[in-house]
């Protein structure tokens, strides 16, 4: 039995971009220490949030 899934609100380009970013982050974390590997996603999230705040501030 195949169930139908509504994907009308799904943005494939955004999903692919997120997947590429996750893969890139995983590649970056290879060879790092255990703590660095655990902190990498947090550090990248803070950097993205800072960039968004700066872009929003510049637009005002």
PDB file of N, CA and C in Angstrom:
ATOM      1  N   UNK A   1       0.844  -1.179   0.000  1.00  0.00           N
ATOM      2  CA  UNK A   1       0.000   0.000   0.000  1.00  0.00           C
ATOM      3  C   UNK A   1       0.888   1.240   0.000  1.00  0.00           C
ATOM      4  N   UNK A   2       0.639   2.140  -0.912  1.00  0.00           N
ATOM      5  CA  UNK A   2       1.390   3.379  -1.020  1.00  0.00           C
ATOM      6  C   UNK A   2       0.519   4.509  -0.493  1.00  0.00           C
ATOM      7  N   UNK A   3       1.041   5.249   0.471  1.00  0.00           N
ATOM      8  CA  UNK A   3       0.287   6.379   0.994  1.00  0.00           C
ATOM      9  C   UNK A   3       0.772   7.651   0.311  1.00  0.00           C
ATOM     10  N   UNK A   4      -0.135   8.549   0.077  1.00  0.00           N
ATOM     11  CA  UNK A   4       0.206   9.814  -0.570  1.00  0.00           C
ATOM     12  C   UNK A   4       0.605  10.823   0.499  1.00  0.00           C
ATOM     13  N   UNK A   5       1.654  11.570   0.214  1.00  0.00           N
ATOM     14  CA  UNK A   5       2.132  12.594   1.125  1.00  0.00           C
ATOM     15  C   UNK A   5       2.004  13.935   0.429  1.00  0.00           C
ATOM     16  N   UNK A   6       1.402  14.888   1.118  1.00  0.00           N
ATOM     17  CA  UNK A   6       1.238  16.232   0.560  1.00  0.00           C
ATOM     18  C   UNK A   6       2.550  16.981   0.702  1.00  0.00           C
ATOM     19  N   UNK A   7       3.173  17.300  -0.427  1.00  0.00           N
ATOM     20  CA  UNK A   7       4.437  18.037  -0.415  1.00  0.00           C
ATOM     21  C   UNK A   7       4.286  19.401  -1.084  1.00  0.00           C
ATOM     22  N   UNK A   8       3.070  19.891  -1.165  1.00  0.00           N
ATOM     23  CA  UNK A   8       2.842  21.161  -1.850  1.00  0.00           C
ATOM     24  C   UNK A   8       3.539  22.320  -1.147  1.00  0.00           C
ATOM     25  N   UNK A   9       3.684  22.253   0.171  1.00  0.00           N
ATOM     26  CA  UNK A   9       4.355  23.327   0.893  1.00  0.00           C
ATOM     27  C   UNK A   9       5.839  23.086   1.072  1.00  0.00           C
ATOM     28  N   UNK A  10       6.355  22.071   0.410  1.00  0.00           N
ATOM     29  CA  UNK A  10       7.753  21.662   0.554  1.00  0.00           C
ATOM     30  C   UNK A  10       8.626  22.412  -0.442  1.00  0.00           C
ATOM     31  N   UNK A  11       9.698  22.996   0.039  1.00  0.00           N
ATOM     32  CA  UNK A  11      10.627  23.715  -0.826  1.00  0.00           C
ATOM     33  C   UNK A  11      11.852  22.835  -1.065  1.00  0.00           C
ATOM     34  N   UNK A  12      11.905  22.199  -2.204  1.00  0.00           N
ATOM     35  CA  UNK A  12      12.970  21.246  -2.507  1.00  0.00           C
ATOM     36  C   UNK A  12      14.338  21.919  -2.555  1.00  0.00           C
ATOM     37  N   UNK A  13      14.408  23.113  -3.107  1.00  0.00           N
ATOM     38  CA  UNK A  13      15.696  23.812  -3.197  1.00  0.00           C
ATOM     39  C   UNK A  13      16.249  24.098  -1.799  1.00  0.00           C
ATOM     40  N   UNK A  14      15.370  24.511  -0.888  1.00  0.00           N
ATOM     41  CA  UNK A  14      15.792  24.794   0.481  1.00  0.00           C
ATOM     42  C   UNK A  14      16.258  23.512   1.171  1.00  0.00           C
ATOM     43  N   UNK A  15      15.535  22.431   0.958  1.00  0.00           N
ATOM     44  CA  UNK A  15      15.904  21.150   1.552  1.00  0.00           C
ATOM     45  C   UNK A  15      17.255  20.671   1.034  1.00  0.00           C
ATOM     46  N   UNK A  16      17.478  20.806  -0.249  1.00  0.00           N
ATOM     47  CA  UNK A  16      18.764  20.403  -0.826  1.00  0.00           C
ATOM     48  C   UNK A  16      19.903  21.272  -0.307  1.00  0.00           C
ATOM     49  N   UNK A  17      19.647  22.571  -0.154  1.00  0.00           N
ATOM     50  CA  UNK A  17      20.672  23.469   0.376  1.00  0.00           C
ATOM     51  C   UNK A  17      21.025  23.091   1.813  1.00  0.00           C
ATOM     52  N   UNK A  18      20.021  22.767   2.609  1.00  0.00           N
ATOM     53  CA  UNK A  18      20.267  22.348   3.993  1.00  0.00           C
ATOM     54  C   UNK A  18      21.057  21.046   4.026  1.00  0.00           C
ATOM     55  N   UNK A  19      20.733  20.128   3.131  1.00  0.00           N
ATOM     56  CA  UNK A  19      21.454  18.853   3.083  1.00  0.00           C
ATOM     57  C   UNK A  19      22.916  19.072   2.689  1.00  0.00           C
ATOM     58  N   UNK A  20      23.150  19.922   1.689  1.00  0.00           N
ATOM     59  CA  UNK A  20      24.533  20.230   1.292  1.00  0.00           C
ATOM     60  C   UNK A  20      25.302  20.867   2.448  1.00  0.00           C
ATOM     61  N   UNK A  21      24.636  21.774   3.170  1.00  0.00           N
ATOM     62  CA  UNK A  21      25.280  22.428   4.309  1.00  0.00           C
ATOM     63  C   UNK A  21      25.624  21.414   5.399  1.00  0.00           C
ATOM     64  N   UNK A  22      24.707  20.501   5.691  1.00  0.00           N
ATOM     65  CA  UNK A  22      24.977  19.468   6.698  1.00  0.00           C
ATOM     66  C   UNK A  22      26.141  18.578   6.287  1.00  0.00           C
ATOM     67  N   UNK A  23      26.175  18.213   5.015  1.00  0.00           N
ATOM     68  CA  UNK A  23      27.281  17.373   4.529  1.00  0.00           C
ATOM     69  C   UNK A  23      28.616  18.111   4.627  1.00  0.00           C
ATOM     70  N   UNK A  24      28.595  19.396   4.269  1.00  0.00           N
ATOM     71  CA  UNK A  24      29.815  20.201   4.349  1.00  0.00           C
ATOM     72  C   UNK A  24      30.287  20.310   5.799  1.00  0.00           C
ATOM     73  N   UNK A  25      29.355  20.532   6.715  1.00  0.00           N
ATOM     74  CA  UNK A  25      29.704  20.619   8.130  1.00  0.00           C
ATOM     75  C   UNK A  25      30.269  19.293   8.633  1.00  0.00           C
ATOM     76  N   UNK A  26      29.713  18.187   8.162  1.00  0.00           N
ATOM     77  CA  UNK A  26      30.227  16.877   8.568  1.00  0.00           C
ATOM     78  C   UNK A  26      31.653  16.681   8.062  1.00  0.00           C
ATOM     79  N   UNK A  27      31.913  17.118   6.836  1.00  0.00           N
ATOM     80  CA  UNK A  27      33.272  17.020   6.288  1.00  0.00           C
ATOM     81  C   UNK A  27      34.239  17.893   7.081  1.00  0.00           C
ATOM     82  N   UNK A  28      33.791  19.080   7.483  1.00  0.00           N
ATOM     83  CA  UNK A  28      34.637  19.976   8.257  1.00  0.00           C
ATOM     84  C   UNK A  28      34.990  19.376   9.618  1.00  0.00           C
ATOM     85  N   UNK A  29      34.067  18.626  10.184  1.00  0.00           N
ATOM     86  CA  UNK A  29      34.277  18.101  11.529  1.00  0.00           C
ATOM     87  C   UNK A  29      35.209  16.888  11.551  1.00  0.00           C
ATOM     88  N   UNK A  30      35.463  16.296  10.389  1.00  0.00           N
ATOM     89  CA  UNK A  30      36.371  15.154  10.352  1.00  0.00           C
ATOM     90  C   UNK A  30      37.780  15.622  10.719  1.00  0.00           C
ATOM     91  N   UNK A  31      38.425  14.887  11.586  1.00  0.00           N
ATOM     92  CA  UNK A  31      39.773  15.234  11.996  1.00  0.00           C
ATOM     93  C   UNK A  31      39.819  16.191  13.174  1.00  0.00           C
ATOM     94  N   UNK A  32      38.672  16.666  13.605  1.00  0.00           N
ATOM     95  CA  UNK A  32      38.630  17.541  14.769  1.00  0.00           C
ATOM     96  C   UNK A  32      38.561  16.696  16.032  1.00  0.00           C
ATOM     97  N   UNK A  33      38.856  17.320  17.128  1.00  0.00           N
ATOM     98  CA  UNK A  33      38.712  16.648  18.404  1.00  0.00           C
ATOM     99  C   UNK A  33      37.246  16.427  18.725  1.00  0.00           C
ATOM    100  N   UNK A  34      36.962  15.598  19.695  1.00  0.00           N
ATOM    101  CA  UNK A  34      35.576  15.262  20.032  1.00  0.00           C
ATOM    102  C   UNK A  34      34.791  16.502  20.469  1.00  0.00           C
ATOM    103  N   UNK A  35      35.381  17.321  21.324  1.00  0.00           N
ATOM    104  CA  UNK A  35      34.684  18.525  21.785  1.00  0.00           C
ATOM    105  C   UNK A  35      34.450  19.492  20.639  1.00  0.00           C
ATOM    106  N   UNK A  36      35.454  19.695  19.803  1.00  0.00           N
ATOM    107  CA  UNK A  36      35.304  20.584  18.646  1.00  0.00           C
ATOM    108  C   UNK A  36      34.190  20.102  17.732  1.00  0.00           C
ATOM    109  N   UNK A  37      34.110  18.794  17.535  1.00  0.00           N
ATOM    110  CA  UNK A  37      33.073  18.215  16.685  1.00  0.00           C
ATOM    111  C   UNK A  37      31.693  18.488  17.260  1.00  0.00           C
ATOM    112  N   UNK A  38      31.568  18.392  18.573  1.00  0.00           N
ATOM    113  CA  UNK A  38      30.278  18.647  19.209  1.00  0.00           C
ATOM    114  C   UNK A  38      29.910  20.134  19.163  1.00  0.00           C
ATOM    115  N   UNK A  39      30.893  21.001  19.236  1.00  0.00           N
ATOM    116  CA  UNK A  39      30.625  22.441  19.260  1.00  0.00           C
ATOM    117  C   UNK A  39      30.478  23.067  17.876  1.00  0.00           C
ATOM    118  N   UNK A  40      30.909  22.384  16.832  1.00  0.00           N
ATOM    119  CA  UNK A  40      30.844  22.945  15.485  1.00  0.00           C
ATOM    120  C   UNK A  40      29.437  23.371  15.073  1.00  0.00           C
ATOM    121  N   UNK A  41      28.401  22.525  15.221  1.00  0.00           N
ATOM    122  CA  UNK A  41      27.054  22.970  14.816  1.00  0.00           C
ATOM    123  C   UNK A  41      26.594  24.218  15.583  1.00  0.00           C
ATOM    124  N   UNK A  42      26.926  24.290  16.866  1.00  0.00           N
ATOM    125  CA  UNK A  42      26.560  25.462  17.659  1.00  0.00           C
ATOM    126  C   UNK A  42      27.273  26.706  17.145  1.00  0.00           C
ATOM    127  N   UNK A  43      28.556  26.593  16.887  1.00  0.00           N
ATOM    128  CA  UNK A  43      29.333  27.734  16.400  1.00  0.00           C
ATOM    129  C   UNK A  43      28.805  28.216  15.047  1.00  0.00           C
ATOM    130  N   UNK A  44      28.463  27.288  14.177  1.00  0.00           N
ATOM    131  CA  UNK A  44      27.937  27.671  12.858  1.00  0.00           C
ATOM    132  C   UNK A  44      26.562  28.324  12.987  1.00  0.00           C
ATOM    133  N   UNK A  45      25.738  27.823  13.905  1.00  0.00           N
ATOM    134  CA  UNK A  45      24.411  28.413  14.113  1.00  0.00           C
ATOM    135  C   UNK A  45      24.539  29.844  14.632  1.00  0.00           C
ATOM    136  N   UNK A  46      25.461  30.080  15.545  1.00  0.00           N
ATOM    137  CA  UNK A  46      25.683  31.434  16.066  1.00  0.00           C
ATOM    138  C   UNK A  46      26.178  32.354  14.949  1.00  0.00           C
ATOM    139  N   UNK A  47      27.074  31.852  14.112  1.00  0.00           N
ATOM    140  CA  UNK A  47      27.591  32.654  13.000  1.00  0.00           C
ATOM    141  C   UNK A  47      26.469  33.015  12.020  1.00  0.00           C
ATOM    142  N   UNK A  48      25.596  32.056  11.722  1.00  0.00           N
ATOM    143  CA  UNK A  48      24.479  32.332  10.800  1.00  0.00           C
ATOM    144  C   UNK A  48      23.518  33.364  11.398  1.00  0.00           C
ATOM    145  N   UNK A  49      23.223  33.204  12.687  1.00  0.00           N
ATOM    146  CA  UNK A  49      22.325  34.134  13.351  1.00  0.00           C
ATOM    147  C   UNK A  49      22.919  35.543  13.361  1.00  0.00           C
ATOM    148  N   UNK A  50      24.206  35.643  13.624  1.00  0.00           N
ATOM    149  CA  UNK A  50      24.879  36.949  13.602  1.00  0.00           C
ATOM    150  C   UNK A  50      24.817  37.578  12.218  1.00  0.00           C
ATOM    151  N   UNK A  51      25.039  36.770  11.191  1.00  0.00           N
ATOM    152  CA  UNK A  51      24.986  37.272   9.814  1.00  0.00           C
ATOM    153  C   UNK A  51      23.583  37.754   9.476  1.00  0.00           C
ATOM    154  N   UNK A  52      22.558  37.019   9.898  1.00  0.00           N
ATOM    155  CA  UNK A  52      21.187  37.436   9.622  1.00  0.00           C
ATOM    156  C   UNK A  52      20.880  38.749  10.322  1.00  0.00           C
ATOM    157  N   UNK A  53      21.336  38.893  11.561  1.00  0.00           N
ATOM    158  CA  UNK A  53      21.103  40.132  12.321  1.00  0.00           C
ATOM    159  C   UNK A  53      21.786  41.298  11.625  1.00  0.00           C
ATOM    160  N   UNK A  54      22.986  41.103  11.118  1.00  0.00           N
ATOM    161  CA  UNK A  54      23.715  42.178  10.437  1.00  0.00           C
ATOM    162  C   UNK A  54      23.028  42.568   9.141  1.00  0.00           C
ATOM    163  N   UNK A  55      22.528  41.584   8.406  1.00  0.00           N
ATOM    164  CA  UNK A  55      21.835  41.860   7.147  1.00  0.00           C
ATOM    165  C   UNK A  55      20.548  42.629   7.423  1.00  0.00           C
ATOM    166  N   UNK A  56      19.816  42.198   8.450  1.00  0.00           N
ATOM    167  CA  UNK A  56      18.575  42.871   8.796  1.00  0.00           C
ATOM    168  C   UNK A  56      18.856  44.300   9.253  1.00  0.00           C
ATOM    169  N   UNK A  57      19.911  44.475  10.046  1.00  0.00           N
ATOM    170  CA  UNK A  57      20.286  45.802  10.531  1.00  0.00           C
ATOM    171  C   UNK A  57      20.702  46.712   9.378  1.00  0.00           C
ATOM    172  N   UNK A  58      21.404  46.177   8.421  1.00  0.00           N
ATOM    173  CA  UNK A  58      21.844  46.971   7.270  1.00  0.00           C
ATOM    174  C   UNK A  58      20.676  47.378   6.388  1.00  0.00           C
ATOM    175  N   UNK A  59      19.628  46.569   6.380  1.00  0.00           N
ATOM    176  CA  UNK A  59      18.458  46.869   5.560  1.00  0.00           C
ATOM    177  C   UNK A  59      17.548  47.924   6.150  1.00  0.00           C
ATOM    178  N   UNK A  60      17.751  48.271   7.401  1.00  0.00           N
ATOM    179  CA  UNK A  60      16.865  49.262   8.036  1.00  0.00           C
ATOM    180  C   UNK A  60      17.327  50.658   7.824  1.00  0.00           C
TER     181      UNK A  60
END
